[in-house]
PDB file of N, CA and C in Angstrom:
ATOM      1  N   UNK A   1      23.887   9.781  14.409  1.00  0.00           N
ATOM      2  CA  UNK A   1      22.692   9.671  14.016  1.00  0.00           C
ATOM      3  C   UNK A   1      21.108   9.712  14.311  1.00  0.00           C
ATOM      4  N   UNK A   2      20.479  11.077  14.464  1.00  0.00           N
ATOM      5  CA  UNK A   2      18.924  11.052  14.676  1.00  0.00           C
ATOM      6  C   UNK A   2      18.407  10.381  13.636  1.00  0.00           C
ATOM      7  N   UNK A   3      16.833  10.604  14.091  1.00  0.00           N
ATOM      8  CA  UNK A   3      15.875  10.113  12.935  1.00  0.00           C
ATOM      9  C   UNK A   3      15.676  10.425  11.732  1.00  0.00           C
ATOM     10  N   UNK A   4      15.678  11.765  11.968  1.00  0.00           N
ATOM     11  CA  UNK A   4      15.735  12.566  10.879  1.00  0.00           C
ATOM     12  C   UNK A   4      16.545  12.368   9.543  1.00  0.00           C
ATOM     13  N   UNK A   5      17.836  12.265  10.367  1.00  0.00           N
ATOM     14  CA  UNK A   5      19.041  11.796   9.294  1.00  0.00           C
ATOM     15  C   UNK A   5      18.674  10.748   8.693  1.00  0.00           C
ATOM     16  N   UNK A   6      18.330   9.401   9.127  1.00  0.00           N
ATOM     17  CA  UNK A   6      17.821   8.200   9.163  1.00  0.00           C
ATOM     18  C   UNK A   6      16.833   8.363   7.761  1.00  0.00           C
ATOM     19  N   UNK A   7      15.765   9.225   7.907  1.00  0.00           N
ATOM     20  CA  UNK A   7      14.606   9.244   7.232  1.00  0.00           C
ATOM     21  C   UNK A   7      15.208   9.457   6.162  1.00  0.00           C
ATOM     22  N   UNK A   8      16.321  10.599   5.865  1.00  0.00           N
ATOM     23  CA  UNK A   8      16.693  11.716   4.400  1.00  0.00           C
ATOM     24  C   UNK A   8      17.219  10.142   4.190  1.00  0.00           C
ATOM     25  N   UNK A   9      18.471   9.782   4.687  1.00  0.00           N
ATOM     26  CA  UNK A   9      19.014   8.978   3.932  1.00  0.00           C
ATOM     27  C   UNK A   9      18.385   7.424   2.744  1.00  0.00           C
ATOM     28  N   UNK A  10      17.307   7.105   4.035  1.00  0.00           N
ATOM     29  CA  UNK A  10      16.539   6.324   2.994  1.00  0.00           C
ATOM     30  C   UNK A  10      15.451   7.079   1.945  1.00  0.00           C
ATOM     31  N   UNK A  11      15.180   8.076   2.151  1.00  0.00           N
ATOM     32  CA  UNK A  11      14.306   8.903   1.290  1.00  0.00           C
ATOM     33  C   UNK A  11      15.364   9.135  -0.106  1.00  0.00           C
ATOM     34  N   UNK A  12      16.409   9.361   0.430  1.00  0.00           N
ATOM     35  CA  UNK A  12      17.259   9.434  -0.989  1.00  0.00           C
ATOM     36  C   UNK A  12      17.569   8.083  -1.502  1.00  0.00           C
ATOM     37  N   UNK A  13      18.182   7.309  -1.017  1.00  0.00           N
ATOM     38  CA  UNK A  13      18.245   5.774  -1.461  1.00  0.00           C
ATOM     39  C   UNK A  13      16.985   5.591  -2.543  1.00  0.00           C
ATOM     40  N   UNK A  14      15.688   5.533  -1.738  1.00  0.00           N
ATOM     41  CA  UNK A  14      14.602   5.004  -2.748  1.00  0.00           C
ATOM     42  C   UNK A  14      14.197   5.933  -3.945  1.00  0.00           C
ATOM     43  N   UNK A  15      14.727   7.473  -3.844  1.00  0.00           N
ATOM     44  CA  UNK A  15      14.122   7.903  -4.795  1.00  0.00           C
ATOM     45  C   UNK A  15      15.413   8.469  -5.747  1.00  0.00           C
ATOM     46  N   UNK A  16      16.582   7.842  -5.651  1.00  0.00           N
ATOM     47  CA  UNK A  16      17.442   7.951  -6.799  1.00  0.00           C
ATOM     48  C   UNK A  16      17.212   7.153  -7.862  1.00  0.00           C
ATOM     49  N   UNK A  17      17.602   7.482  -9.015  1.00  0.00           N
ATOM     50  CA  UNK A  17      17.284   6.720 -10.361  1.00  0.00           C
ATOM     51  C   UNK A  17      17.620   5.536 -10.427  1.00  0.00           C
ATOM     52  N   UNK A  18      16.799   4.353 -10.304  1.00  0.00           N
ATOM     53  CA  UNK A  18      17.062   3.042 -10.710  1.00  0.00           C
ATOM     54  C   UNK A  18      16.650   2.874 -12.237  1.00  0.00           C
ATOM     55  N   UNK A  19      17.033   1.809 -12.662  1.00  0.00           N
ATOM     56  CA  UNK A  19      16.405   1.435 -14.307  1.00  0.00           C
ATOM     57  C   UNK A  19      15.157   1.402 -14.331  1.00  0.00           C
ATOM     58  N   UNK A  20      14.733   2.126 -15.252  1.00  0.00           N
ATOM     59  CA  UNK A  20      13.411   2.412 -15.781  1.00  0.00           C
ATOM     60  C   UNK A  20      12.294   0.569 -15.838  1.00  0.00           C
ATOM     61  N   UNK A  21      13.184  -0.159 -16.199  1.00  0.00           N
ATOM     62  CA  UNK A  21      12.530  -1.676 -16.107  1.00  0.00           C
ATOM     63  C   UNK A  21      12.127  -1.846 -14.755  1.00  0.00           C
ATOM     64  N   UNK A  22      13.109  -1.752 -13.939  1.00  0.00           N
ATOM     65  CA  UNK A  22      12.945  -2.022 -12.368  1.00  0.00           C
ATOM     66  C   UNK A  22      11.703  -1.066 -12.092  1.00  0.00           C
ATOM     67  N   UNK A  23      11.636   0.126 -12.053  1.00  0.00           N
ATOM     68  CA  UNK A  23      10.835   0.956 -11.705  1.00  0.00           C
ATOM     69  C   UNK A  23       9.541   0.541 -12.193  1.00  0.00           C
ATOM     70  N   UNK A  24       9.221   0.172 -13.665  1.00  0.00           N
ATOM     71  CA  UNK A  24       7.957  -0.627 -14.313  1.00  0.00           C
ATOM     72  C   UNK A  24       7.347  -1.622 -13.549  1.00  0.00           C
ATOM     73  N   UNK A  25       8.528  -2.400 -13.316  1.00  0.00           N
ATOM     74  CA  UNK A  25       7.954  -3.957 -12.443  1.00  0.00           C
ATOM     75  C   UNK A  25       7.669  -3.653 -11.419  1.00  0.00           C
ATOM     76  N   UNK A  26       8.144  -2.896 -10.435  1.00  0.00           N
ATOM     77  CA  UNK A  26       7.689  -2.074  -9.386  1.00  0.00           C
ATOM     78  C   UNK A  26       6.432  -1.940  -9.010  1.00  0.00           C
ATOM     79  N   UNK A  27       6.014  -1.068 -10.002  1.00  0.00           N
ATOM     80  CA  UNK A  27       4.769  -0.347  -9.991  1.00  0.00           C
ATOM     81  C   UNK A  27       3.825  -1.173 -10.325  1.00  0.00           C
ATOM     82  N   UNK A  28       4.289  -1.982 -11.344  1.00  0.00           N
ATOM     83  CA  UNK A  28       3.090  -3.233 -11.606  1.00  0.00           C
ATOM     84  C   UNK A  28       2.755  -4.468 -10.510  1.00  0.00           C
ATOM     85  N   UNK A  29       3.492  -4.817  -9.676  1.00  0.00           N
ATOM     86  CA  UNK A  29       3.642  -5.451  -8.408  1.00  0.00           C
ATOM     87  C   UNK A  29       2.638  -4.636  -7.717  1.00  0.00           C
ATOM     88  N   UNK A  30       3.172  -3.420  -7.417  1.00  0.00           N
ATOM     89  CA  UNK A  30       2.237  -2.851  -6.188  1.00  0.00           C
ATOM     90  C   UNK A  30       0.667  -2.532  -6.856  1.00  0.00           C
ATOM     91  N   UNK A  31       0.292  -2.044  -7.550  1.00  0.00           N
ATOM     92  CA  UNK A  31      -0.951  -1.911  -8.226  1.00  0.00           C
ATOM     93  C   UNK A  31      -1.701  -3.121  -8.676  1.00  0.00           C
ATOM     94  N   UNK A  32      -1.030  -4.317  -8.838  1.00  0.00           N
ATOM     95  CA  UNK A  32      -1.610  -5.698  -9.520  1.00  0.00           C
ATOM     96  C   UNK A  32      -2.735  -6.114  -7.964  1.00  0.00           C
ATOM     97  N   UNK A  33      -2.689  -5.720  -6.688  1.00  0.00           N
ATOM     98  CA  UNK A  33      -3.123  -6.130  -5.887  1.00  0.00           C
ATOM     99  C   UNK A  33      -4.677  -5.886  -6.158  1.00  0.00           C
ATOM    100  N   UNK A  34      -4.891  -4.474  -6.673  1.00  0.00           N
ATOM    101  CA  UNK A  34      -6.146  -4.616  -7.003  1.00  0.00           C
ATOM    102  C   UNK A  34      -6.973  -4.952  -8.045  1.00  0.00           C
ATOM    103  N   UNK A  35      -6.231  -5.450  -9.152  1.00  0.00           N
ATOM    104  CA  UNK A  35      -6.708  -6.607  -9.817  1.00  0.00           C
ATOM    105  C   UNK A  35      -6.945  -7.742  -9.410  1.00  0.00           C
ATOM    106  N   UNK A  36      -6.203  -8.237  -8.643  1.00  0.00           N
ATOM    107  CA  UNK A  36      -6.446  -9.595  -8.003  1.00  0.00           C
ATOM    108  C   UNK A  36      -7.800  -9.705  -7.038  1.00  0.00           C
ATOM    109  N   UNK A  37      -7.762  -8.481  -5.978  1.00  0.00           N
ATOM    110  CA  UNK A  37      -9.044  -8.364  -5.307  1.00  0.00           C
ATOM    111  C   UNK A  37      -9.988  -8.298  -6.383  1.00  0.00           C
ATOM    112  N   UNK A  38     -10.388  -7.478  -6.998  1.00  0.00           N
ATOM    113  CA  UNK A  38     -11.480  -7.683  -8.245  1.00  0.00           C
ATOM    114  C   UNK A  38     -11.660  -8.739  -8.746  1.00  0.00           C
ATOM    115  N   UNK A  39     -10.595  -9.386  -9.193  1.00  0.00           N
ATOM    116  CA  UNK A  39     -10.670 -10.609  -9.640  1.00  0.00           C
ATOM    117  C   UNK A  39     -11.631 -11.925  -8.707  1.00  0.00           C
ATOM    118  N   UNK A  40     -10.825 -11.987  -7.486  1.00  0.00           N
ATOM    119  CA  UNK A  40     -11.711 -12.635  -6.729  1.00  0.00           C
ATOM    120  C   UNK A  40     -12.967 -12.569  -6.179  1.00  0.00           C
ATOM    121  N   UNK A  41     -13.188 -10.812  -6.094  1.00  0.00           N
ATOM    122  CA  UNK A  41     -14.683 -10.776  -6.181  1.00  0.00           C
ATOM    123  C   UNK A  41     -15.416 -10.932  -7.131  1.00  0.00           C
ATOM    124  N   UNK A  42     -15.161 -11.045  -8.551  1.00  0.00           N
ATOM    125  CA  UNK A  42     -15.931 -11.646  -9.619  1.00  0.00           C
ATOM    126  C   UNK A  42     -15.982 -12.901  -9.404  1.00  0.00           C
ATOM    127  N   UNK A  43     -15.072 -13.744  -9.185  1.00  0.00           N
ATOM    128  CA  UNK A  43     -14.770 -15.102  -8.755  1.00  0.00           C
ATOM    129  C   UNK A  43     -16.136 -15.483  -8.185  1.00  0.00           C
ATOM    130  N   UNK A  44     -15.853 -15.080  -6.785  1.00  0.00           N
ATOM    131  CA  UNK A  44     -17.126 -15.437  -5.789  1.00  0.00           C
ATOM    132  C   UNK A  44     -18.322 -14.835  -6.374  1.00  0.00           C
ATOM    133  N   UNK A  45     -18.606 -14.183  -6.624  1.00  0.00           N
ATOM    134  CA  UNK A  45     -19.659 -13.562  -7.207  1.00  0.00           C
ATOM    135  C   UNK A  45     -20.375 -14.422  -8.572  1.00  0.00           C
ATOM    136  N   UNK A  46     -19.651 -15.147  -9.313  1.00  0.00           N
ATOM    137  CA  UNK A  46     -19.841 -16.198 -10.257  1.00  0.00           C
ATOM    138  C   UNK A  46     -20.042 -17.427  -9.525  1.00  0.00           C
ATOM    139  N   UNK A  47     -19.332 -17.836  -8.770  1.00  0.00           N
ATOM    140  CA  UNK A  47     -19.829 -18.955  -7.905  1.00  0.00           C
ATOM    141  C   UNK A  47     -20.916 -19.036  -7.208  1.00  0.00           C
ATOM    142  N   UNK A  48     -21.781 -17.780  -7.062  1.00  0.00           N
ATOM    143  CA  UNK A  48     -22.731 -17.733  -6.078  1.00  0.00           C
ATOM    144  C   UNK A  48     -21.987 -17.641  -4.293  1.00  0.00           C
ATOM    145  N   UNK A  49     -20.896 -17.475  -4.350  1.00  0.00           N
ATOM    146  CA  UNK A  49     -21.005 -17.441  -2.948  1.00  0.00           C
ATOM    147  C   UNK A  49     -20.495 -15.620  -2.080  1.00  0.00           C
ATOM    148  N   UNK A  50     -21.445 -15.278  -2.160  1.00  0.00           N
ATOM    149  CA  UNK A  50     -22.125 -14.268  -1.766  1.00  0.00           C
ATOM    150  C   UNK A  50     -21.425 -13.941  -0.219  1.00  0.00           C
ATOM    151  N   UNK A  51     -21.110 -14.907   0.541  1.00  0.00           N
ATOM    152  CA  UNK A  51     -20.703 -14.585   1.734  1.00  0.00           C
ATOM    153  C   UNK A  51     -19.452 -14.212   2.135  1.00  0.00           C
ATOM    154  N   UNK A  52     -18.433 -15.089   0.952  1.00  0.00           N
ATOM    155  CA  UNK A  52     -17.255 -14.913   0.737  1.00  0.00           C
ATOM    156  C   UNK A  52     -16.856 -13.300   0.273  1.00  0.00           C
ATOM    157  N   UNK A  53     -17.662 -13.049  -0.603  1.00  0.00           N
ATOM    158  CA  UNK A  53     -17.655 -11.692  -0.811  1.00  0.00           C
ATOM    159  C   UNK A  53     -17.668 -10.398   0.570  1.00  0.00           C
ATOM    160  N   UNK A  54     -18.672 -10.942   0.950  1.00  0.00           N
ATOM    161  CA  UNK A  54     -18.999  -9.814   1.987  1.00  0.00           C
ATOM    162  C   UNK A  54     -17.309 -10.271   3.227  1.00  0.00           C
ATOM    163  N   UNK A  55     -17.017 -11.248   3.027  1.00  0.00           N
ATOM    164  CA  UNK A  55     -16.295 -11.343   3.939  1.00  0.00           C
ATOM    165  C   UNK A  55     -14.735 -10.667   3.570  1.00  0.00           C
ATOM    166  N   UNK A  56     -14.696 -11.144   2.583  1.00  0.00           N
ATOM    167  CA  UNK A  56     -13.547 -10.453   1.691  1.00  0.00           C
ATOM    168  C   UNK A  56     -13.676  -8.741   1.478  1.00  0.00           C
ATOM    169  N   UNK A  57     -14.633  -8.330   1.540  1.00  0.00           N
ATOM    170  CA  UNK A  57     -15.093  -6.598   1.647  1.00  0.00           C
ATOM    171  C   UNK A  57     -14.911  -6.231   2.822  1.00  0.00           C
ATOM    172  N   UNK A  58     -15.115  -7.264   4.165  1.00  0.00           N
ATOM    173  CA  UNK A  58     -15.224  -6.726   5.587  1.00  0.00           C
ATOM    174  C   UNK A  58     -13.502  -6.846   6.037  1.00  0.00           C
ATOM    175  N   UNK A  59     -13.019  -7.623   5.470  1.00  0.00           N
ATOM    176  CA  UNK A  59     -11.707  -7.587   5.932  1.00  0.00           C
ATOM    177  C   UNK A  59     -10.701  -6.704   5.268  1.00  0.00           C
ATOM    178  N   UNK A  60     -11.311  -6.323   3.941  1.00  0.00           N
ATOM    179  CA  UNK A  60     -10.281  -4.973   3.454  1.00  0.00           C
ATOM    180  C   UNK A  60     -10.661  -3.854   4.235  1.00  0.00           C
ATOM    181  N   UNK A  61     -12.124  -3.257   4.153  1.00  0.00           N
ATOM    182  CA  UNK A  61     -12.557  -2.266   5.440  1.00  0.00           C
ATOM    183  C   UNK A  61     -11.844  -2.188   6.602  1.00  0.00           C
ATOM    184  N   UNK A  62     -11.866  -3.496   7.460  1.00  0.00           N
ATOM    185  CA  UNK A  62     -11.072  -3.694   8.485  1.00  0.00           C
ATOM    186  C   UNK A  62      -9.519  -3.407   8.553  1.00  0.00           C
ATOM    187  N   UNK A  63      -9.001  -3.954   7.219  1.00  0.00           N
ATOM    188  CA  UNK A  63      -7.262  -3.190   7.349  1.00  0.00           C
ATOM    189  C   UNK A  63      -7.100  -1.875   6.812  1.00  0.00           C
ATOM    190  N   UNK A  64      -8.325  -1.372   6.103  1.00  0.00           N
ATOM    191  CA  UNK A  64      -8.149  -0.093   6.196  1.00  0.00           C
ATOM    192  C   UNK A  64      -8.267   0.861   7.051  1.00  0.00           C
ATOM    193  N   UNK A  65      -8.814   0.417   7.948  1.00  0.00           N
ATOM    194  CA  UNK A  65      -9.642   1.287   9.053  1.00  0.00           C
ATOM    195  C   UNK A  65      -8.353   1.073  10.198  1.00  0.00           C
ATOM    196  N   UNK A  66      -7.699  -0.130  10.313  1.00  0.00           N
ATOM    197  CA  UNK A  66      -6.552   0.163  11.212  1.00  0.00           C
ATOM    198  C   UNK A  66      -5.509   0.800  10.540  1.00  0.00           C
ATOM    199  N   UNK A  67      -5.009   0.822   9.033  1.00  0.00           N
ATOM    200  CA  UNK A  67      -3.881   1.441   8.650  1.00  0.00           C
ATOM    201  C   UNK A  67      -4.103   2.975   8.757  1.00  0.00           C
ATOM    202  N   UNK A  68      -5.511   3.626   8.805  1.00  0.00           N
ATOM    203  CA  UNK A  68      -5.491   4.912   8.862  1.00  0.00           C
ATOM    204  C   UNK A  68      -5.513   5.084  10.678  1.00  0.00           C
ATOM    205  N   UNK A  69      -5.960   3.874  11.359  1.00  0.00           N
ATOM    206  CA  UNK A  69      -5.912   4.247  12.874  1.00  0.00           C
ATOM    207  C   UNK A  69      -4.461   4.585  13.365  1.00  0.00           C
ATOM    208  N   UNK A  70      -3.601   3.859  12.615  1.00  0.00           N
ATOM    209  CA  UNK A  70      -2.195   3.752  12.736  1.00  0.00           C
ATOM    210  C   UNK A  70      -1.490   5.281  12.501  1.00  0.00           C
ATOM    211  N   UNK A  71      -2.333   5.721  11.270  1.00  0.00           N
ATOM    212  CA  UNK A  71      -1.661   6.899  10.793  1.00  0.00           C
ATOM    213  C   UNK A  71      -1.773   7.999  12.069  1.00  0.00           C
ATOM    214  N   UNK A  72      -3.031   8.195  11.985  1.00  0.00           N
ATOM    215  CA  UNK A  72      -3.252   9.071  13.181  1.00  0.00           C
ATOM    216  C   UNK A  72      -2.703   8.962  14.458  1.00  0.00           C
ATOM    217  N   UNK A  73      -2.745   7.615  14.751  1.00  0.00           N
ATOM    218  CA  UNK A  73      -2.036   7.368  16.244  1.00  0.00           C
ATOM    219  C   UNK A  73      -0.262   7.857  16.155  1.00  0.00           C
ATOM    220  N   UNK A  74       0.215   7.639  15.067  1.00  0.00           N
ATOM    221  CA  UNK A  74       1.541   7.807  14.813  1.00  0.00           C
ATOM    222  C   UNK A  74       1.910   9.350  14.609  1.00  0.00           C
ATOM    223  N   UNK A  75       1.206   9.878  13.598  1.00  0.00           N
ATOM    224  CA  UNK A  75       0.998  11.643  13.511  1.00  0.00           C
ATOM    225  C   UNK A  75       2.221  11.947  13.139  1.00  0.00           C
ATOM    226  N   UNK A  76       3.006  11.505  12.523  1.00  0.00           N
ATOM    227  CA  UNK A  76       4.262  11.725  11.832  1.00  0.00           C
ATOM    228  C   UNK A  76       4.289  12.295  10.236  1.00  0.00           C
ATOM    229  N   UNK A  77       5.011  13.677  10.037  1.00  0.00           N
ATOM    230  CA  UNK A  77       4.912  13.970   8.863  1.00  0.00           C
ATOM    231  C   UNK A  77       5.589  13.053   7.923  1.00  0.00           C
ATOM    232  N   UNK A  78       5.327  12.730   6.489  1.00  0.00           N
ATOM    233  CA  UNK A  78       6.435  12.167   5.751  1.00  0.00           C
ATOM    234  C   UNK A  78       7.738  12.416   5.608  1.00  0.00           C
ATOM    235  N   UNK A  79       8.829  11.605   5.341  1.00  0.00           N
ATOM    236  CA  UNK A  79      10.100  12.563   5.290  1.00  0.00           C
ATOM    237  C   UNK A  79      10.183  13.324   4.394  1.00  0.00           C
ATOM    238  N   UNK A  80       9.573  13.200   3.088  1.00  0.00           N
ATOM    239  CA  UNK A  80      10.025  14.507   1.900  1.00  0.00           C
ATOM    240  C   UNK A  80       9.229  15.817   2.405  1.00  0.00           C
ATOM    241  N   UNK A  81       8.205  15.794   3.221  1.00  0.00           N
ATOM    242  CA  UNK A  81       7.596  16.906   3.889  1.00  0.00           C
ATOM    243  C   UNK A  81       8.767  17.500   4.851  1.00  0.00           C
ATOM    244  N   UNK A  82       9.266  16.673   5.580  1.00  0.00           N
ATOM    245  CA  UNK A  82      10.348  17.413   6.450  1.00  0.00           C
ATOM    246  C   UNK A  82      11.828  17.848   5.881  1.00  0.00           C
ATOM    247  N   UNK A  83      12.122  17.278   4.563  1.00  0.00           N
ATOM    248  CA  UNK A  83      13.113  17.783   3.433  1.00  0.00           C
ATOM    249  C   UNK A  83      13.170  19.299   2.727  1.00  0.00           C
ATOM    250  N   UNK A  84      11.924  19.235   2.940  1.00  0.00           N
ATOM    251  CA  UNK A  84      11.954  20.315   1.836  1.00  0.00           C
ATOM    252  C   UNK A  84      11.716  21.220   2.520  1.00  0.00           C
TER     253      UNK A  84
END
């Protein structure tokens, strides 16, 4: 089995219909991090900890830059793009 076949099997597994409740729960978990980050920024702002806000934003930007660097470095198409 080559990597493309493995990618297709994984793609089919994750895209098969699960229960709608499970899909909703997973979506909420995935996107809840944004609310958590905004709540942290607001909390630090209310407490007057501007330096913590800068550290949080800097770490988010560094993480974003690292992820995008890895995407460029690997330069591989998504499995669904190769499957179609």
